């Protein structure tokens, strides 16, 4: 029987997977466990990280319904985009912070 040699592409694939896992890990590492990133604003969007516990509250769900009406499930920022002004977002999240 002859020796089976693996193609030289295998080391490249391993390097690709290592690089991919590092890049993926770095992209989500700034969002702590139990939180999610949202983009807020009517014209210029700013990124905020909020606790996932907010998803259970009716006032935050209203913001999500507004996002669904405007964007559906296709968010141009690649993440959850909430189309309200920052003052309204701060008002809702500050009330939620006090209730948690």
PDB file of N, CA and C in Angstrom:
ATOM      1  N   UNK A   1       0.832  -1.181   0.000  1.00  0.00           N
ATOM      2  CA  UNK A   1       0.000   0.000   0.000  1.00  0.00           C
ATOM      3  C   UNK A   1       0.870   1.234   0.000  1.00  0.00           C
ATOM      4  N   UNK A   2       0.391   2.258  -0.690  1.00  0.00           N
ATOM      5  CA  UNK A   2       1.132   3.502  -0.759  1.00  0.00           C
ATOM      6  C   UNK A   2       0.783   4.430   0.397  1.00  0.00           C
ATOM      7  N   UNK A   3       1.593   5.447   0.578  1.00  0.00           N
ATOM      8  CA  UNK A   3       1.348   6.444   1.620  1.00  0.00           C
ATOM      9  C   UNK A   3       0.394   7.492   1.069  1.00  0.00           C
ATOM     10  N   UNK A   4      -0.590   7.821   1.863  1.00  0.00           N
ATOM     11  CA  UNK A   4      -1.535   8.853   1.457  1.00  0.00           C
ATOM     12  C   UNK A   4      -1.061  10.177   2.018  1.00  0.00           C
ATOM     13  N   UNK A   5      -0.864  11.126   1.165  1.00  0.00           N
ATOM     14  CA  UNK A   5      -0.409  12.449   1.592  1.00  0.00           C
ATOM     15  C   UNK A   5      -1.570  13.427   1.477  1.00  0.00           C
ATOM     16  N   UNK A   6      -1.726  14.222   2.513  1.00  0.00           N
ATOM     17  CA  UNK A   6      -2.778  15.225   2.489  1.00  0.00           C
ATOM     18  C   UNK A   6      -2.321  16.400   1.645  1.00  0.00           C
ATOM     19  N   UNK A   7      -3.229  17.006   0.947  1.00  0.00           N
ATOM     20  CA  UNK A   7      -2.848  18.155   0.121  1.00  0.00           C
ATOM     21  C   UNK A   7      -2.310  19.298   0.972  1.00  0.00           C
ATOM     22  N   UNK A   8      -1.522  20.141   0.360  1.00  0.00           N
ATOM     23  CA  UNK A   8      -0.906  21.250   1.085  1.00  0.00           C
ATOM     24  C   UNK A   8      -1.918  22.312   1.504  1.00  0.00           C
ATOM     25  N   UNK A   9      -3.150  22.201   1.057  1.00  0.00           N
ATOM     26  CA  UNK A   9      -4.166  23.183   1.423  1.00  0.00           C
ATOM     27  C   UNK A   9      -4.600  23.027   2.885  1.00  0.00           C
ATOM     28  N   UNK A  10      -4.414  21.859   3.475  1.00  0.00           N
ATOM     29  CA  UNK A  10      -4.851  21.600   4.852  1.00  0.00           C
ATOM     30  C   UNK A  10      -4.235  22.590   5.840  1.00  0.00           C
ATOM     31  N   UNK A  11      -2.915  22.844   5.821  1.00  0.00           N
ATOM     32  CA  UNK A  11      -2.381  23.835   6.756  1.00  0.00           C
ATOM     33  C   UNK A  11      -3.013  25.221   6.554  1.00  0.00           C
ATOM     34  N   UNK A  12      -3.297  25.581   5.309  1.00  0.00           N
ATOM     35  CA  UNK A  12      -3.932  26.870   5.045  1.00  0.00           C
ATOM     36  C   UNK A  12      -5.326  26.929   5.649  1.00  0.00           C
ATOM     37  N   UNK A  13      -6.066  25.833   5.569  1.00  0.00           N
ATOM     38  CA  UNK A  13      -7.400  25.789   6.158  1.00  0.00           C
ATOM     39  C   UNK A  13      -7.326  25.935   7.679  1.00  0.00           C
ATOM     40  N   UNK A  14      -6.340  25.277   8.281  1.00  0.00           N
ATOM     41  CA  UNK A  14      -6.183  25.385   9.736  1.00  0.00           C
ATOM     42  C   UNK A  14      -5.877  26.827  10.126  1.00  0.00           C
ATOM     43  N   UNK A  15      -5.017  27.486   9.371  1.00  0.00           N
ATOM     44  CA  UNK A  15      -4.696  28.884   9.653  1.00  0.00           C
ATOM     45  C   UNK A  15      -5.922  29.766   9.470  1.00  0.00           C
ATOM     46  N   UNK A  16      -6.707  29.477   8.440  1.00  0.00           N
ATOM     47  CA  UNK A  16      -7.917  30.249   8.197  1.00  0.00           C
ATOM     48  C   UNK A  16      -8.880  30.102   9.379  1.00  0.00           C
ATOM     49  N   UNK A  17      -9.090  28.882   9.852  1.00  0.00           N
ATOM     50  CA  UNK A  17     -10.016  28.664  10.960  1.00  0.00           C
ATOM     51  C   UNK A  17      -9.523  29.327  12.244  1.00  0.00           C
ATOM     52  N   UNK A  18      -8.212  29.307  12.475  1.00  0.00           N
ATOM     53  CA  UNK A  18      -7.672  29.996  13.647  1.00  0.00           C
ATOM     54  C   UNK A  18      -7.924  31.493  13.548  1.00  0.00           C
ATOM     55  N   UNK A  19      -7.638  32.066  12.389  1.00  0.00           N
ATOM     56  CA  UNK A  19      -7.842  33.492  12.179  1.00  0.00           C
ATOM     57  C   UNK A  19      -9.326  33.843  12.311  1.00  0.00           C
ATOM     58  N   UNK A  20     -10.179  33.019  11.715  1.00  0.00           N
ATOM     59  CA  UNK A  20     -11.612  33.267  11.778  1.00  0.00           C
ATOM     60  C   UNK A  20     -12.108  33.248  13.225  1.00  0.00           C
ATOM     61  N   UNK A  21     -11.640  32.307  14.040  1.00  0.00           N
ATOM     62  CA  UNK A  21     -12.100  32.242  15.422  1.00  0.00           C
ATOM     63  C   UNK A  21     -11.607  33.438  16.229  1.00  0.00           C
ATOM     64  N   UNK A  22     -10.397  33.921  15.937  1.00  0.00           N
ATOM     65  CA  UNK A  22      -9.883  35.098  16.632  1.00  0.00           C
ATOM     66  C   UNK A  22     -10.689  36.331  16.245  1.00  0.00           C
ATOM     67  N   UNK A  23     -10.968  36.495  14.954  1.00  0.00           N
ATOM     68  CA  UNK A  23     -11.734  37.643  14.488  1.00  0.00           C
ATOM     69  C   UNK A  23     -13.145  37.607  15.076  1.00  0.00           C
ATOM     70  N   UNK A  24     -13.794  36.455  15.040  1.00  0.00           N
ATOM     71  CA  UNK A  24     -15.147  36.317  15.575  1.00  0.00           C
ATOM     72  C   UNK A  24     -15.159  36.612  17.064  1.00  0.00           C
ATOM     73  N   UNK A  25     -14.191  36.078  17.777  1.00  0.00           N
ATOM     74  CA  UNK A  25     -14.120  36.303  19.222  1.00  0.00           C
ATOM     75  C   UNK A  25     -13.931  37.784  19.519  1.00  0.00           C
ATOM     76  N   UNK A  26     -13.098  38.478  18.752  1.00  0.00           N
ATOM     77  CA  UNK A  26     -12.861  39.901  18.976  1.00  0.00           C
ATOM     78  C   UNK A  26     -14.100  40.734  18.661  1.00  0.00           C
ATOM     79  N   UNK A  27     -14.894  40.309  17.694  1.00  0.00           N
ATOM     80  CA  UNK A  27     -16.084  41.071  17.341  1.00  0.00           C
ATOM     81  C   UNK A  27     -17.133  41.009  18.439  1.00  0.00           C
ATOM     82  N   UNK A  28     -17.255  39.887  19.129  1.00  0.00           N
ATOM     83  CA  UNK A  28     -18.290  39.772  20.143  1.00  0.00           C
ATOM     84  C   UNK A  28     -17.763  39.974  21.550  1.00  0.00           C
ATOM     85  N   UNK A  29     -16.461  40.122  21.706  1.00  0.00           N
ATOM     86  CA  UNK A  29     -15.895  40.223  23.040  1.00  0.00           C
ATOM     87  C   UNK A  29     -16.253  41.518  23.735  1.00  0.00           C
ATOM     88  N   UNK A  30     -16.634  42.545  22.995  1.00  0.00           N
ATOM     89  CA  UNK A  30     -16.992  43.800  23.628  1.00  0.00           C
ATOM     90  C   UNK A  30     -18.452  43.808  24.090  1.00  0.00           C
ATOM     91  N   UNK A  31     -19.178  42.715  23.853  1.00  0.00           N
ATOM     92  CA  UNK A  31     -20.537  42.574  24.350  1.00  0.00           C
ATOM     93  C   UNK A  31     -20.504  41.488  25.424  1.00  0.00           C
ATOM     94  N   UNK A  32     -20.639  41.902  26.684  1.00  0.00           N
ATOM     95  CA  UNK A  32     -20.564  40.913  27.761  1.00  0.00           C
ATOM     96  C   UNK A  32     -21.708  39.900  27.696  1.00  0.00           C
ATOM     97  N   UNK A  33     -21.478  38.763  28.273  1.00  0.00           N
ATOM     98  CA  UNK A  33     -22.508  37.734  28.337  1.00  0.00           C
ATOM     99  C   UNK A  33     -23.737  38.314  29.036  1.00  0.00           C
ATOM    100  N   UNK A  34     -24.908  38.022  28.478  1.00  0.00           N
ATOM    101  CA  UNK A  34     -26.138  38.532  29.057  1.00  0.00           C
ATOM    102  C   UNK A  34     -26.523  39.910  28.550  1.00  0.00           C
ATOM    103  N   UNK A  35     -25.837  40.389  27.518  1.00  0.00           N
ATOM    104  CA  UNK A  35     -26.114  41.706  26.938  1.00  0.00           C
ATOM    105  C   UNK A  35     -26.253  41.584  25.426  1.00  0.00           C
ATOM    106  N   UNK A  36     -26.764  42.638  24.805  1.00  0.00           N
ATOM    107  CA  UNK A  36     -26.807  42.691  23.356  1.00  0.00           C
ATOM    108  C   UNK A  36     -26.517  44.111  22.899  1.00  0.00           C
ATOM    109  N   UNK A  37     -26.001  44.209  21.696  1.00  0.00           N
ATOM    110  CA  UNK A  37     -25.685  45.517  21.124  1.00  0.00           C
ATOM    111  C   UNK A  37     -26.869  45.985  20.292  1.00  0.00           C
ATOM    112  N   UNK A  38     -27.208  47.259  20.436  1.00  0.00           N
ATOM    113  CA  UNK A  38     -28.260  47.871  19.624  1.00  0.00           C
ATOM    114  C   UNK A  38     -27.735  49.181  19.058  1.00  0.00           C
ATOM    115  N   UNK A  39     -28.279  49.576  17.921  1.00  0.00           N
ATOM    116  CA  UNK A  39     -27.934  50.853  17.309  1.00  0.00           C
ATOM    117  C   UNK A  39     -29.152  51.755  17.450  1.00  0.00           C
ATOM    118  N   UNK A  40     -28.937  52.961  17.954  1.00  0.00           N
ATOM    119  CA  UNK A  40     -30.038  53.864  18.276  1.00  0.00           C
ATOM    120  C   UNK A  40     -29.848  55.193  17.562  1.00  0.00           C
ATOM    121  N   UNK A  41     -30.922  55.724  17.031  1.00  0.00           N
ATOM    122  CA  UNK A  41     -30.892  57.044  16.416  1.00  0.00           C
ATOM    123  C   UNK A  41     -31.828  57.114  15.238  1.00  0.00           C
ATOM    124  N   UNK A  42     -32.256  58.324  14.944  1.00  0.00           N
ATOM    125  CA  UNK A  42     -33.148  58.515  13.812  1.00  0.00           C
ATOM    126  C   UNK A  42     -32.369  58.673  12.510  1.00  0.00           C
ATOM    127  N   UNK A  43     -31.275  59.413  12.553  1.00  0.00           N
ATOM    128  CA  UNK A  43     -30.447  59.573  11.354  1.00  0.00           C
ATOM    129  C   UNK A  43     -29.066  58.973  11.596  1.00  0.00           C
ATOM    130  N   UNK A  44     -28.339  59.508  12.544  1.00  0.00           N
ATOM    131  CA  UNK A  44     -27.025  58.973  12.878  1.00  0.00           C
ATOM    132  C   UNK A  44     -27.193  57.940  13.989  1.00  0.00           C
ATOM    133  N   UNK A  45     -26.738  56.728  13.751  1.00  0.00           N
ATOM    134  CA  UNK A  45     -26.918  55.629  14.698  1.00  0.00           C
ATOM    135  C   UNK A  45     -25.707  55.503  15.614  1.00  0.00           C
ATOM    136  N   UNK A  46     -25.981  55.352  16.916  1.00  0.00           N
ATOM    137  CA  UNK A  46     -24.925  55.095  17.890  1.00  0.00           C
ATOM    138  C   UNK A  46     -25.155  53.724  18.498  1.00  0.00           C
ATOM    139  N   UNK A  47     -24.070  53.064  18.815  1.00  0.00           N
ATOM    140  CA  UNK A  47     -24.136  51.701  19.342  1.00  0.00           C
ATOM    141  C   UNK A  47     -24.155  51.727  20.862  1.00  0.00           C
ATOM    142  N   UNK A  48     -25.089  50.950  21.439  1.00  0.00           N
ATOM    143  CA  UNK A  48     -25.189  50.801  22.882  1.00  0.00           C
ATOM    144  C   UNK A  48     -25.277  49.320  23.219  1.00  0.00           C
ATOM    145  N   UNK A  49     -24.769  48.952  24.377  1.00  0.00           N
ATOM    146  CA  UNK A  49     -24.854  47.585  24.859  1.00  0.00           C
ATOM    147  C   UNK A  49     -25.807  47.584  26.049  1.00  0.00           C
ATOM    148  N   UNK A  50     -26.861  46.754  25.954  1.00  0.00           N
ATOM    149  CA  UNK A  50     -27.892  46.730  26.988  1.00  0.00           C
ATOM    150  C   UNK A  50     -28.073  45.304  27.500  1.00  0.00           C
ATOM    151  N   UNK A  51     -28.544  45.152  28.741  1.00  0.00           N
ATOM    152  CA  UNK A  51     -28.812  43.805  29.271  1.00  0.00           C
ATOM    153  C   UNK A  51     -29.972  43.142  28.527  1.00  0.00           C
ATOM    154  N   UNK A  52     -29.875  41.834  28.325  1.00  0.00           N
ATOM    155  CA  UNK A  52     -30.968  41.139  27.639  1.00  0.00           C
ATOM    156  C   UNK A  52     -32.236  41.119  28.492  1.00  0.00           C
ATOM    157  N   UNK A  53     -32.123  41.399  29.780  1.00  0.00           N
ATOM    158  CA  UNK A  53     -33.308  41.472  30.641  1.00  0.00           C
ATOM    159  C   UNK A  53     -34.274  42.551  30.154  1.00  0.00           C
ATOM    160  N   UNK A  54     -33.778  43.543  29.431  1.00  0.00           N
ATOM    161  CA  UNK A  54     -34.635  44.598  28.889  1.00  0.00           C
ATOM    162  C   UNK A  54     -35.699  44.021  27.946  1.00  0.00           C
ATOM    163  N   UNK A  55     -35.391  42.914  27.304  1.00  0.00           N
ATOM    164  CA  UNK A  55     -36.302  42.326  26.328  1.00  0.00           C
ATOM    165  C   UNK A  55     -37.627  41.898  26.954  1.00  0.00           C
ATOM    166  N   UNK A  56     -37.652  41.709  28.257  1.00  0.00           N
ATOM    167  CA  UNK A  56     -38.867  41.279  28.950  1.00  0.00           C
ATOM    168  C   UNK A  56     -39.798  42.432  29.297  1.00  0.00           C
ATOM    169  N   UNK A  57     -39.359  43.656  29.159  1.00  0.00           N
ATOM    170  CA  UNK A  57     -40.135  44.814  29.587  1.00  0.00           C
ATOM    171  C   UNK A  57     -40.928  45.415  28.431  1.00  0.00           C
ATOM    172  N   UNK A  58     -42.172  45.761  28.724  1.00  0.00           N
ATOM    173  CA  UNK A  58     -43.079  46.254  27.671  1.00  0.00           C
ATOM    174  C   UNK A  58     -42.573  47.543  27.020  1.00  0.00           C
ATOM    175  N   UNK A  59     -41.942  48.429  27.794  1.00  0.00           N
ATOM    176  CA  UNK A  59     -41.469  49.691  27.206  1.00  0.00           C
ATOM    177  C   UNK A  59     -40.347  49.439  26.197  1.00  0.00           C
ATOM    178  N   UNK A  60     -39.481  48.480  26.468  1.00  0.00           N
ATOM    179  CA  UNK A  60     -38.421  48.152  25.514  1.00  0.00           C
ATOM    180  C   UNK A  60     -39.008  47.396  24.329  1.00  0.00           C
ATOM    181  N   UNK A  61     -40.013  46.573  24.579  1.00  0.00           N
ATOM    182  CA  UNK A  61     -40.666  45.846  23.491  1.00  0.00           C
ATOM    183  C   UNK A  61     -41.347  46.807  22.519  1.00  0.00           C
ATOM    184  N   UNK A  62     -41.830  47.940  23.027  1.00  0.00           N
ATOM    185  CA  UNK A  62     -42.409  48.955  22.143  1.00  0.00           C
ATOM    186  C   UNK A  62     -41.352  49.511  21.195  1.00  0.00           C
ATOM    187  N   UNK A  63     -40.143  49.721  21.716  1.00  0.00           N
ATOM    188  CA  UNK A  63     -39.049  50.182  20.847  1.00  0.00           C
ATOM    189  C   UNK A  63     -38.735  49.133  19.785  1.00  0.00           C
ATOM    190  N   UNK A  64     -38.777  47.861  20.179  1.00  0.00           N
ATOM    191  CA  UNK A  64     -38.500  46.780  19.232  1.00  0.00           C
ATOM    192  C   UNK A  64     -39.587  46.680  18.168  1.00  0.00           C
ATOM    193  N   UNK A  65     -40.840  46.924  18.554  1.00  0.00           N
ATOM    194  CA  UNK A  65     -41.928  46.911  17.571  1.00  0.00           C
ATOM    195  C   UNK A  65     -41.754  48.033  16.563  1.00  0.00           C
ATOM    196  N   UNK A  66     -41.304  49.174  17.053  1.00  0.00           N
ATOM    197  CA  UNK A  66     -41.028  50.311  16.165  1.00  0.00           C
ATOM    198  C   UNK A  66     -39.919  49.942  15.172  1.00  0.00           C
ATOM    199  N   UNK A  67     -38.908  49.244  15.678  1.00  0.00           N
ATOM    200  CA  UNK A  67     -37.807  48.797  14.811  1.00  0.00           C
ATOM    201  C   UNK A  67     -38.312  47.803  13.771  1.00  0.00           C
ATOM    202  N   UNK A  68     -39.180  46.893  14.196  1.00  0.00           N
ATOM    203  CA  UNK A  68     -39.717  45.903  13.266  1.00  0.00           C
ATOM    204  C   UNK A  68     -40.553  46.572  12.180  1.00  0.00           C
ATOM    205  N   UNK A  69     -41.360  47.560  12.559  1.00  0.00           N
ATOM    206  CA  UNK A  69     -42.190  48.265  11.579  1.00  0.00           C
ATOM    207  C   UNK A  69     -41.340  48.984  10.532  1.00  0.00           C
ATOM    208  N   UNK A  70     -40.237  49.585  10.985  1.00  0.00           N
ATOM    209  CA  UNK A  70     -39.410  50.355  10.059  1.00  0.00           C
ATOM    210  C   UNK A  70     -38.455  49.494   9.246  1.00  0.00           C
ATOM    211  N   UNK A  71     -37.853  48.505   9.898  1.00  0.00           N
ATOM    212  CA  UNK A  71     -36.798  47.732   9.239  1.00  0.00           C
ATOM    213  C   UNK A  71     -37.158  46.285   8.940  1.00  0.00           C
ATOM    214  N   UNK A  72     -38.202  45.754   9.552  1.00  0.00           N
ATOM    215  CA  UNK A  72     -38.456  44.326   9.431  1.00  0.00           C
ATOM    216  C   UNK A  72     -37.296  43.597  10.097  1.00  0.00           C
ATOM    217  N   UNK A  73     -36.789  42.599   9.435  1.00  0.00           N
ATOM    218  CA  UNK A  73     -35.651  41.878   9.989  1.00  0.00           C
ATOM    219  C   UNK A  73     -34.371  42.143   9.200  1.00  0.00           C
ATOM    220  N   UNK A  74     -34.385  43.158   8.352  1.00  0.00           N
ATOM    221  CA  UNK A  74     -33.211  43.539   7.564  1.00  0.00           C
ATOM    222  C   UNK A  74     -32.651  44.837   8.124  1.00  0.00           C
ATOM    223  N   UNK A  75     -31.706  44.742   9.008  1.00  0.00           N
ATOM    224  CA  UNK A  75     -31.114  45.928   9.618  1.00  0.00           C
ATOM    225  C   UNK A  75     -29.822  46.282   8.888  1.00  0.00           C
ATOM    226  N   UNK A  76     -29.765  47.484   8.360  1.00  0.00           N
ATOM    227  CA  UNK A  76     -28.620  47.902   7.549  1.00  0.00           C
ATOM    228  C   UNK A  76     -27.321  47.954   8.339  1.00  0.00           C
ATOM    229  N   UNK A  77     -27.392  48.136   9.652  1.00  0.00           N
ATOM    230  CA  UNK A  77     -26.184  48.225  10.472  1.00  0.00           C
ATOM    231  C   UNK A  77     -25.636  46.837  10.802  1.00  0.00           C
ATOM    232  N   UNK A  78     -26.382  45.789  10.445  1.00  0.00           N
ATOM    233  CA  UNK A  78     -25.939  44.442  10.750  1.00  0.00           C
ATOM    234  C   UNK A  78     -26.342  44.006  12.146  1.00  0.00           C
ATOM    235  N   UNK A  79     -26.901  44.879  12.919  1.00  0.00           N
ATOM    236  CA  UNK A  79     -27.371  44.551  14.257  1.00  0.00           C
ATOM    237  C   UNK A  79     -28.753  45.122  14.453  1.00  0.00           C
ATOM    238  N   UNK A  80     -29.253  44.978  15.631  1.00  0.00           N
ATOM    239  CA  UNK A  80     -30.578  45.489  15.944  1.00  0.00           C
ATOM    240  C   UNK A  80     -30.549  47.013  15.960  1.00  0.00           C
ATOM    241  N   UNK A  81     -31.362  47.623  15.103  1.00  0.00           N
ATOM    242  CA  UNK A  81     -31.404  49.075  14.990  1.00  0.00           C
ATOM    243  C   UNK A  81     -32.739  49.574  15.510  1.00  0.00           C
ATOM    244  N   UNK A  82     -32.704  50.505  16.455  1.00  0.00           N
ATOM    245  CA  UNK A  82     -33.914  51.071  17.035  1.00  0.00           C
ATOM    246  C   UNK A  82     -34.046  52.511  16.532  1.00  0.00           C
ATOM    247  N   UNK A  83     -35.087  52.788  15.735  1.00  0.00           N
ATOM    248  CA  UNK A  83     -35.229  54.099  15.097  1.00  0.00           C
ATOM    249  C   UNK A  83     -35.938  55.129  15.977  1.00  0.00           C
ATOM    250  N   UNK A  84     -35.332  55.469  17.083  1.00  0.00           N
ATOM    251  CA  UNK A  84     -35.905  56.527  17.926  1.00  0.00           C
ATOM    252  C   UNK A  84     -34.768  57.471  18.297  1.00  0.00           C
ATOM    253  N   UNK A  85     -35.129  58.648  18.808  1.00  0.00           N
ATOM    254  CA  UNK A  85     -34.049  59.547  19.195  1.00  0.00           C
ATOM    255  C   UNK A  85     -33.409  59.055  20.490  1.00  0.00           C
ATOM    256  N   UNK A  86     -32.205  59.476  20.719  1.00  0.00           N
ATOM    257  CA  UNK A  86     -31.462  58.982  21.877  1.00  0.00           C
ATOM    258  C   UNK A  86     -32.113  59.361  23.199  1.00  0.00           C
ATOM    259  N   UNK A  87     -32.758  60.513  23.252  1.00  0.00           N
ATOM    260  CA  UNK A  87     -33.427  60.924  24.492  1.00  0.00           C
ATOM    261  C   UNK A  87     -34.517  59.928  24.878  1.00  0.00           C
ATOM    262  N   UNK A  88     -35.312  59.496  23.908  1.00  0.00           N
ATOM    263  CA  UNK A  88     -36.367  58.514  24.175  1.00  0.00           C
ATOM    264  C   UNK A  88     -35.758  57.191  24.634  1.00  0.00           C
ATOM    265  N   UNK A  89     -34.668  56.784  23.991  1.00  0.00           N
ATOM    266  CA  UNK A  89     -33.981  55.553  24.370  1.00  0.00           C
ATOM    267  C   UNK A  89     -33.447  55.668  25.800  1.00  0.00           C
ATOM    268  N   UNK A  90     -32.824  56.797  26.131  1.00  0.00           N
ATOM    269  CA  UNK A  90     -32.300  56.991  27.486  1.00  0.00           C
ATOM    270  C   UNK A  90     -33.425  56.996  28.518  1.00  0.00           C
ATOM    271  N   UNK A  91     -34.551  57.589  28.149  1.00  0.00           N
ATOM    272  CA  UNK A  91     -35.700  57.628  29.065  1.00  0.00           C
ATOM    273  C   UNK A  91     -36.160  56.204  29.387  1.00  0.00           C
ATOM    274  N   UNK A  92     -36.323  55.381  28.367  1.00  0.00           N
ATOM    275  CA  UNK A  92     -36.771  53.999  28.560  1.00  0.00           C
ATOM    276  C   UNK A  92     -35.734  53.205  29.352  1.00  0.00           C
ATOM    277  N   UNK A  93     -34.471  53.287  28.954  1.00  0.00           N
ATOM    278  CA  UNK A  93     -33.451  52.474  29.620  1.00  0.00           C
ATOM    279  C   UNK A  93     -33.189  52.938  31.050  1.00  0.00           C
ATOM    280  N   UNK A  94     -33.329  54.220  31.319  1.00  0.00           N
ATOM    281  CA  UNK A  94     -33.117  54.667  32.701  1.00  0.00           C
ATOM    282  C   UNK A  94     -34.232  54.148  33.614  1.00  0.00           C
ATOM    283  N   UNK A  95     -35.473  54.115  33.096  1.00  0.00           N
ATOM    284  CA  UNK A  95     -36.566  53.522  33.872  1.00  0.00           C
ATOM    285  C   UNK A  95     -36.311  52.035  34.105  1.00  0.00           C
ATOM    286  N   UNK A  96     -35.814  51.351  33.084  1.00  0.00           N
ATOM    287  CA  UNK A  96     -35.529  49.924  33.221  1.00  0.00           C
ATOM    288  C   UNK A  96     -34.392  49.664  34.192  1.00  0.00           C
ATOM    289  N   UNK A  97     -33.368  50.525  34.154  1.00  0.00           N
ATOM    290  CA  UNK A  97     -32.246  50.387  35.094  1.00  0.00           C
ATOM    291  C   UNK A  97     -32.730  50.493  36.534  1.00  0.00           C
ATOM    292  N   UNK A  98     -33.678  51.388  36.767  1.00  0.00           N
ATOM    293  CA  UNK A  98     -34.210  51.572  38.126  1.00  0.00           C
ATOM    294  C   UNK A  98     -35.070  50.404  38.567  1.00  0.00           C
ATOM    295  N   UNK A  99     -35.662  49.690  37.602  1.00  0.00           N
ATOM    296  CA  UNK A  99     -36.531  48.567  37.976  1.00  0.00           C
ATOM    297  C   UNK A  99     -35.796  47.247  38.085  1.00  0.00           C
ATOM    298  N   UNK A 100     -34.574  47.177  37.599  1.00  0.00           N
ATOM    299  CA  UNK A 100     -33.815  45.906  37.661  1.00  0.00           C
ATOM    300  C   UNK A 100     -33.171  45.704  38.993  1.00  0.00           C
TER     301      UNK A 100
END
